[in-house]
C-alpha atoms as a PDB file:
ATOM      1  CA  UNK A   1      96.387  26.145  93.444  1.00  0.00           C
ATOM      2  CA  UNK A   2      92.772  27.242  95.008  1.00  0.00           C
ATOM      3  CA  UNK A   3      92.212  30.973  95.621  1.00  0.00           C
ATOM      4  CA  UNK A   4      91.058  31.855  99.395  1.00  0.00           C
ATOM      5  CA  UNK A   5      89.689  35.228  99.209  1.00  0.00           C
ATOM      6  CA  UNK A   6      90.792  37.028 102.371  1.00  0.00           C
ATOM      7  CA  UNK A   7      88.193  38.175 104.870  1.00  0.00           C
ATOM      8  CA  UNK A   8      88.823  41.687 104.310  1.00  0.00           C
ATOM      9  CA  UNK A   9      88.386  41.581 100.479  1.00  0.00           C
ATOM     10  CA  UNK A  10      85.253  39.694 100.798  1.00  0.00           C
ATOM     11  CA  UNK A  11      83.831  42.398 103.276  1.00  0.00           C
ATOM     12  CA  UNK A  12      84.929  45.051 100.738  1.00  0.00           C
ATOM     13  CA  UNK A  13      83.405  43.253  98.206  1.00  0.00           C
ATOM     14  CA  UNK A  14      79.887  42.313 100.046  1.00  0.00           C
ATOM     15  CA  UNK A  15      79.930  45.358 101.992  1.00  0.00           C
ATOM     16  CA  UNK A  16      78.066  47.333  99.180  1.00  0.00           C
ATOM     17  CA  UNK A  17      75.966  45.006  98.045  1.00  0.00           C
ATOM     18  CA  UNK A  18      74.496  44.439 101.657  1.00  0.00           C
ATOM     19  CA  UNK A  19      74.485  48.335 102.335  1.00  0.00           C
ATOM     20  CA  UNK A  20      71.916  48.408  99.624  1.00  0.00           C
ATOM     21  CA  UNK A  21      69.803  45.020 100.825  1.00  0.00           C
ATOM     22  CA  UNK A  22      70.408  46.655 104.332  1.00  0.00           C
ATOM     23  CA  UNK A  23      68.678  50.079 103.467  1.00  0.00           C
ATOM     24  CA  UNK A  24      65.492  48.459 102.289  1.00  0.00           C
ATOM     25  CA  UNK A  25      64.232  46.891 105.122  1.00  0.00           C
ATOM     26  CA  UNK A  26      61.667  47.952 107.080  1.00  0.00           C
ATOM     27  CA  UNK A  27      62.658  48.330 110.714  1.00  0.00           C
ATOM     28  CA  UNK A  28      60.124  48.176 113.556  1.00  0.00           C
ATOM     29  CA  UNK A  29      60.901  47.284 117.595  1.00  0.00           C
ATOM     30  CA  UNK A  30      59.302  46.481 120.199  1.00  0.00           C
ATOM     31  CA  UNK A  31      60.120  47.277 124.428  1.00  0.00           C
ATOM     32  CA  UNK A  32      62.644  49.344 122.669  1.00  0.00           C
ATOM     33  CA  UNK A  33      62.880  51.178 125.898  1.00  0.00           C
ATOM     34  CA  UNK A  34      64.346  48.367 127.932  1.00  0.00           C
ATOM     35  CA  UNK A  35      67.739  48.893 125.963  1.00  0.00           C
ATOM     36  CA  UNK A  36      67.352  52.962 125.988  1.00  0.00           C
ATOM     37  CA  UNK A  37      66.978  53.083 129.665  1.00  0.00           C
ATOM     38  CA  UNK A  38      70.103  51.133 130.006  1.00  0.00           C
ATOM     39  CA  UNK A  39      72.459  53.082 127.789  1.00  0.00           C
ATOM     40  CA  UNK A  40      71.053  56.501 129.546  1.00  0.00           C
ATOM     41  CA  UNK A  41      71.959  55.662 132.867  1.00  0.00           C
ATOM     42  CA  UNK A  42      75.476  54.193 131.083  1.00  0.00           C
ATOM     43  CA  UNK A  43      74.792  50.638 132.680  1.00  0.00           C
ATOM     44  CA  UNK A  44      77.198  48.401 131.359  1.00  0.00           C
ATOM     45  CA  UNK A  45      75.119  45.682 129.458  1.00  0.00           C
ATOM     46  CA  UNK A  46      75.699  42.450 127.395  1.00  0.00           C
ATOM     47  CA  UNK A  47      73.336  41.845 124.438  1.00  0.00           C
ATOM     48  CA  UNK A  48      72.385  38.342 124.025  1.00  0.00           C
ATOM     49  CA  UNK A  49      71.142  37.353 120.586  1.00  0.00           C
ATOM     50  CA  UNK A  50      71.226  34.120 118.698  1.00  0.00           C
ATOM     51  CA  UNK A  51      73.769  33.378 116.405  1.00  0.00           C
ATOM     52  CA  UNK A  52      70.980  33.450 112.878  1.00  0.00           C
ATOM     53  CA  UNK A  53      69.880  36.499 113.849  1.00  0.00           C
ATOM     54  CA  UNK A  54      73.693  38.949 113.539  1.00  0.00           C
ATOM     55  CA  UNK A  55      73.156  40.586 110.470  1.00  0.00           C
ATOM     56  CA  UNK A  56      70.207  42.628 111.150  1.00  0.00           C
ATOM     57  CA  UNK A  57      70.947  43.231 114.379  1.00  0.00           C
ATOM     58  CA  UNK A  58      74.478  44.491 113.310  1.00  0.00           C
ATOM     59  CA  UNK A  59      73.066  46.610 111.150  1.00  0.00           C
ATOM     60  CA  UNK A  60      70.403  48.138 113.840  1.00  0.00           C
ATOM     61  CA  UNK A  61      73.251  49.307 116.369  1.00  0.00           C
ATOM     62  CA  UNK A  62      75.759  50.473 113.807  1.00  0.00           C
ATOM     63  CA  UNK A  63      78.168  52.807 114.920  1.00  0.00           C
ATOM     64  CA  UNK A  64      76.737  52.818 118.637  1.00  0.00           C
ATOM     65  CA  UNK A  65      80.395  52.130 120.113  1.00  0.00           C
ATOM     66  CA  UNK A  66      79.403  48.490 120.898  1.00  0.00           C
ATOM     67  CA  UNK A  67      81.991  45.545 121.077  1.00  0.00           C
ATOM     68  CA  UNK A  68      81.520  42.580 119.335  1.00  0.00           C
ATOM     69  CA  UNK A  69      82.701  38.893 120.375  1.00  0.00           C
ATOM     70  CA  UNK A  70      83.200  37.074 117.018  1.00  0.00           C
ATOM     71  CA  UNK A  71      84.840  33.699 116.089  1.00  0.00           C
ATOM     72  CA  UNK A  72      88.970  33.064 114.627  1.00  0.00           C
ATOM     73  CA  UNK A  73      87.417  31.047 112.150  1.00  0.00           C
ATOM     74  CA  UNK A  74      87.529  31.975 108.125  1.00  0.00           C
ATOM     75  CA  UNK A  75      83.504  32.619 108.307  1.00  0.00           C
ATOM     76  CA  UNK A  76      83.839  34.297 111.832  1.00  0.00           C
ATOM     77  CA  UNK A  77      86.124  36.604 110.051  1.00  0.00           C
ATOM     78  CA  UNK A  78      83.826  37.426 107.091  1.00  0.00           C
ATOM     79  CA  UNK A  79      81.054  38.826 109.968  1.00  0.00           C
ATOM     80  CA  UNK A  80      84.215  40.357 111.760  1.00  0.00           C
ATOM     81  CA  UNK A  81      85.347  42.484 108.965  1.00  0.00           C
ATOM     82  CA  UNK A  82      81.660  43.408 107.858  1.00  0.00           C
ATOM     83  CA  UNK A  83      81.096  44.545 111.421  1.00  0.00           C
ATOM     84  CA  UNK A  84      84.430  46.788 111.822  1.00  0.00           C
ATOM     85  CA  UNK A  85      83.118  48.400 108.837  1.00  0.00           C
ATOM     86  CA  UNK A  86      79.867  49.162 110.906  1.00  0.00           C
ATOM     87  CA  UNK A  87      81.801  50.923 113.652  1.00  0.00           C
ATOM     88  CA  UNK A  88      81.886  48.043 116.029  1.00  0.00           C
ATOM     89  CA  UNK A  89      84.784  47.131 118.394  1.00  0.00           C
ATOM     90  CA  UNK A  90      86.395  43.437 117.803  1.00  0.00           C
ATOM     91  CA  UNK A  91      86.869  40.604 120.780  1.00  0.00           C
ATOM     92  CA  UNK A  92      88.520  38.013 119.387  1.00  0.00           C
ATOM     93  CA  UNK A  93      87.725  34.421 120.368  1.00  0.00           C
ATOM     94  CA  UNK A  94      84.761  32.085 121.005  1.00  0.00           C
ATOM     95  CA  UNK A  95      84.198  29.036 122.730  1.00  0.00           C
ATOM     96  CA  UNK A  96      86.269  26.562 120.550  1.00  0.00           C
ATOM     97  CA  UNK A  97      89.131  28.706 119.650  1.00  0.00           C
ATOM     98  CA  UNK A  98      90.373  31.561 122.007  1.00  0.00           C
ATOM     99  CA  UNK A  99      88.108  31.422 124.673  1.00  0.00           C
ATOM    100  CA  UNK A 100      89.773  32.712 127.894  1.00  0.00           C
ATOM    101  CA  UNK A 101      91.371  35.432 125.836  1.00  0.00           C
ATOM    102  CA  UNK A 102      87.255  36.441 124.154  1.00  0.00           C
ATOM    103  CA  UNK A 103      86.282  36.426 127.868  1.00  0.00           C
ATOM    104  CA  UNK A 104      88.756  38.301 129.294  1.00  0.00           C
ATOM    105  CA  UNK A 105      88.325  40.875 126.587  1.00  0.00           C
ATOM    106  CA  UNK A 106      84.746  40.981 127.466  1.00  0.00           C
ATOM    107  CA  UNK A 107      84.680  41.645 130.668  1.00  0.00           C
ATOM    108  CA  UNK A 108      87.111  44.355 129.847  1.00  0.00           C
ATOM    109  CA  UNK A 109      85.123  45.942 127.703  1.00  0.00           C
ATOM    110  CA  UNK A 110      81.628  45.595 130.173  1.00  0.00           C
ATOM    111  CA  UNK A 111      84.198  46.960 133.410  1.00  0.00           C
ATOM    112  CA  UNK A 112      84.914  49.628 131.130  1.00  0.00           C
ATOM    113  CA  UNK A 113      81.439  51.032 131.003  1.00  0.00           C
ATOM    114  CA  UNK A 114      80.630  49.138 127.294  1.00  0.00           C
ATOM    115  CA  UNK A 115      77.946  47.090 125.689  1.00  0.00           C
ATOM    116  CA  UNK A 116      79.173  43.784 124.135  1.00  0.00           C
ATOM    117  CA  UNK A 117      77.369  41.801 122.122  1.00  0.00           C
ATOM    118  CA  UNK A 118      77.628  38.335 122.729  1.00  0.00           C
ATOM    119  CA  UNK A 119      76.491  35.278 120.629  1.00  0.00           C
ATOM    120  CA  UNK A 120      75.914  32.137 123.419  1.00  0.00           C
ATOM    121  CA  UNK A 121      75.603  29.480 120.382  1.00  0.00           C
ATOM    122  CA  UNK A 122      77.967  29.995 118.312  1.00  0.00           C
ATOM    123  CA  UNK A 123      80.438  29.845 116.083  1.00  0.00           C
ATOM    124  CA  UNK A 124      79.710  26.654 115.134  1.00  0.00           C
ATOM    125  CA  UNK A 125      76.013  25.664 117.286  1.00  0.00           C
ATOM    126  CA  UNK A 126      74.309  23.534 118.085  1.00  0.00           C
ATOM    127  CA  UNK A 127      71.597  26.042 117.224  1.00  0.00           C
ATOM    128  CA  UNK A 128      70.360  28.164 119.877  1.00  0.00           C
ATOM    129  CA  UNK A 129      72.236  26.222 122.321  1.00  0.00           C
ATOM    130  CA  UNK A 130      73.025  28.058 125.423  1.00  0.00           C
ATOM    131  CA  UNK A 131      77.215  27.967 126.197  1.00  0.00           C
ATOM    132  CA  UNK A 132      78.072  29.657 129.575  1.00  0.00           C
ATOM    133  CA  UNK A 133      80.881  32.472 128.201  1.00  0.00           C
ATOM    134  CA  UNK A 134      78.821  35.255 128.180  1.00  0.00           C
ATOM    135  CA  UNK A 135      76.545  34.838 131.539  1.00  0.00           C
ATOM    136  CA  UNK A 136      80.600  34.558 132.806  1.00  0.00           C
ATOM    137  CA  UNK A 137      81.583  37.934 131.670  1.00  0.00           C
ATOM    138  CA  UNK A 138      78.114  39.154 132.658  1.00  0.00           C
ATOM    139  CA  UNK A 139      78.872  37.720 135.920  1.00  0.00           C
ATOM    140  CA  UNK A 140      82.254  38.582 136.455  1.00  0.00           C
ATOM    141  CA  UNK A 141      81.696  42.655 135.648  1.00  0.00           C
ATOM    142  CA  UNK A 142      78.543  42.929 137.045  1.00  0.00           C
ATOM    143  CA  UNK A 143      76.988  43.627 133.870  1.00  0.00           C
ATOM    144  CA  UNK A 144      73.635  43.487 133.045  1.00  0.00           C
ATOM    145  CA  UNK A 145      72.003  40.833 130.652  1.00  0.00           C
ATOM    146  CA  UNK A 146      69.844  42.226 127.295  1.00  0.00           C
ATOM    147  CA  UNK A 147      68.159  39.717 125.621  1.00  0.00           C
ATOM    148  CA  UNK A 148      68.027  40.577 121.887  1.00  0.00           C
ATOM    149  CA  UNK A 149      66.243  38.766 118.502  1.00  0.00           C
ATOM    150  CA  UNK A 150      65.211  39.954 115.028  1.00  0.00           C
ATOM    151  CA  UNK A 151      62.777  38.225 112.699  1.00  0.00           C
ATOM    152  CA  UNK A 152      61.874  38.950 109.571  1.00  0.00           C
ATOM    153  CA  UNK A 153      58.408  38.579 107.295  1.00  0.00           C
ATOM    154  CA  UNK A 154      60.230  37.366 104.387  1.00  0.00           C
ATOM    155  CA  UNK A 155      63.872  35.974 104.328  1.00  0.00           C
ATOM    156  CA  UNK A 156      66.312  33.790 103.192  1.00  0.00           C
ATOM    157  CA  UNK A 157      67.787  31.232 105.259  1.00  0.00           C
ATOM    158  CA  UNK A 158      71.573  29.917 105.078  1.00  0.00           C
ATOM    159  CA  UNK A 159      71.770  26.002 104.400  1.00  0.00           C
ATOM    160  CA  UNK A 160      73.954  26.590 107.714  1.00  0.00           C
ATOM    161  CA  UNK A 161      74.286  25.197 111.374  1.00  0.00           C
ATOM    162  CA  UNK A 162      72.802  28.263 112.952  1.00  0.00           C
ATOM    163  CA  UNK A 163      70.154  28.503 109.890  1.00  0.00           C
ATOM    164  CA  UNK A 164      71.500  32.405 109.219  1.00  0.00           C
ATOM    165  CA  UNK A 165      68.765  34.388 108.068  1.00  0.00           C
ATOM    166  CA  UNK A 166      69.091  37.296 105.137  1.00  0.00           C
ATOM    167  CA  UNK A 167      65.783  39.862 105.067  1.00  0.00           C
ATOM    168  CA  UNK A 168      64.692  40.181 101.796  1.00  0.00           C
ATOM    169  CA  UNK A 169      64.934  43.555 100.024  1.00  0.00           C
ATOM    170  CA  UNK A 170      61.800  45.474 102.084  1.00  0.00           C
ATOM    171  CA  UNK A 171      61.271  42.954 104.333  1.00  0.00           C
ATOM    172  CA  UNK A 172      59.619  44.148 107.461  1.00  0.00           C
ATOM    173  CA  UNK A 173      61.747  42.805 109.877  1.00  0.00           C
ATOM    174  CA  UNK A 174      61.103  42.758 113.952  1.00  0.00           C
ATOM    175  CA  UNK A 175      63.388  43.747 116.448  1.00  0.00           C
ATOM    176  CA  UNK A 176      62.661  43.285 120.189  1.00  0.00           C
ATOM    177  CA  UNK A 177      64.242  43.358 123.374  1.00  0.00           C
ATOM    178  CA  UNK A 178      63.996  41.136 126.173  1.00  0.00           C
ATOM    179  CA  UNK A 179      63.984  42.277 130.385  1.00  0.00           C
ATOM    180  CA  UNK A 180      67.486  43.092 131.403  1.00  0.00           C
ATOM    181  CA  UNK A 181      68.550  40.812 134.391  1.00  0.00           C
ATOM    182  CA  UNK A 182      71.503  40.192 136.664  1.00  0.00           C
ATOM    183  CA  UNK A 183      73.600  36.719 136.958  1.00  0.00           C
ATOM    184  CA  UNK A 184      76.030  36.119 139.959  1.00  0.00           C
ATOM    185  CA  UNK A 185      77.725  32.781 137.937  1.00  0.00           C
ATOM    186  CA  UNK A 186      77.248  30.776 134.894  1.00  0.00           C
ATOM    187  CA  UNK A 187      76.010  27.938 136.806  1.00  0.00           C
ATOM    188  CA  UNK A 188      72.879  25.560 135.187  1.00  0.00           C
ATOM    189  CA  UNK A 189      70.019  27.658 137.002  1.00  0.00           C
ATOM    190  CA  UNK A 190      71.455  30.770 135.094  1.00  0.00           C
ATOM    191  CA  UNK A 191      71.615  28.902 131.742  1.00  0.00           C
ATOM    192  CA  UNK A 192      68.021  27.882 131.914  1.00  0.00           C
ATOM    193  CA  UNK A 193      66.688  31.005 133.030  1.00  0.00           C
ATOM    194  CA  UNK A 194      68.163  32.709 130.498  1.00  0.00           C
ATOM    195  CA  UNK A 195      67.182  30.383 127.374  1.00  0.00           C
ATOM    196  CA  UNK A 196      63.854  30.781 128.808  1.00  0.00           C
ATOM    197  CA  UNK A 197      63.886  34.543 128.366  1.00  0.00           C
ATOM    198  CA  UNK A 198      65.728  33.746 124.882  1.00  0.00           C
ATOM    199  CA  UNK A 199      63.073  31.484 123.737  1.00  0.00           C
ATOM    200  CA  UNK A 200      59.936  33.911 125.094  1.00  0.00           C
ATOM    201  CA  UNK A 201      61.578  36.560 123.330  1.00  0.00           C
ATOM    202  CA  UNK A 202      61.762  34.526 119.850  1.00  0.00           C
ATOM    203  CA  UNK A 203      57.897  33.786 120.307  1.00  0.00           C
ATOM    204  CA  UNK A 204      57.107  37.216 120.612  1.00  0.00           C
ATOM    205  CA  UNK A 205      58.904  38.039 117.749  1.00  0.00           C
ATOM    206  CA  UNK A 206      57.460  35.365 115.302  1.00  0.00           C
ATOM    207  CA  UNK A 207      55.349  35.960 112.416  1.00  0.00           C
ATOM    208  CA  UNK A 208      51.764  35.047 112.786  1.00  0.00           C
ATOM    209  CA  UNK A 209      52.061  33.047 108.874  1.00  0.00           C
ATOM    210  CA  UNK A 210      55.378  30.847 107.123  1.00  0.00           C
ATOM    211  CA  UNK A 211      56.505  33.815 105.069  1.00  0.00           C
ATOM    212  CA  UNK A 212      59.775  34.066 106.921  1.00  0.00           C
ATOM    213  CA  UNK A 213      60.513  30.700 105.817  1.00  0.00           C
ATOM    214  CA  UNK A 214      64.069  29.517 104.453  1.00  0.00           C
ATOM    215  CA  UNK A 215      64.003  29.599 100.946  1.00  0.00           C
ATOM    216  CA  UNK A 216      68.019  29.093 100.435  1.00  0.00           C
END
């Protein structure tokens, strides 16, 4: 019989190791006022981030009352358990499993004035390809969309569909915020506009050398 470790056990084992690693990162932010203005005004908003950048962004925005939409698949459960330990609220579901429940949960959290983090290319890709669920939640709730991304000057990249990024010890990590914007519906023009905003942010944070290339 093959033993399958539960997500909670994996998080319990990996959590202390990740905590040691994350505390070595040297984080710098760009355009952080865009996020703080929304928080100070108590305006509900939706963090929009690519799946590959989850780890440093989860760490940076820990214990801030953010809700996160996570997949019901096993790999999603690992991330969910780690996020719960960092103080996030969980909304279960994804574009492939539990999608309607996830959308309703996100809308509910936004209508209550909260912040929700959404990975529009998750849980299984394709990498950096927009799916409409996040924009539908923003349109239904009237919340603003806030693009966010992270890049590291030195990182491991997993051989997964998203090239999941793990910044190395003592890496410099850039976290940047795009211009918040509103959407009225999750149609094709809105998806294209959002993809451009995410691409612009990615280009802005890119390191000028090849130091962050995959090494794992």
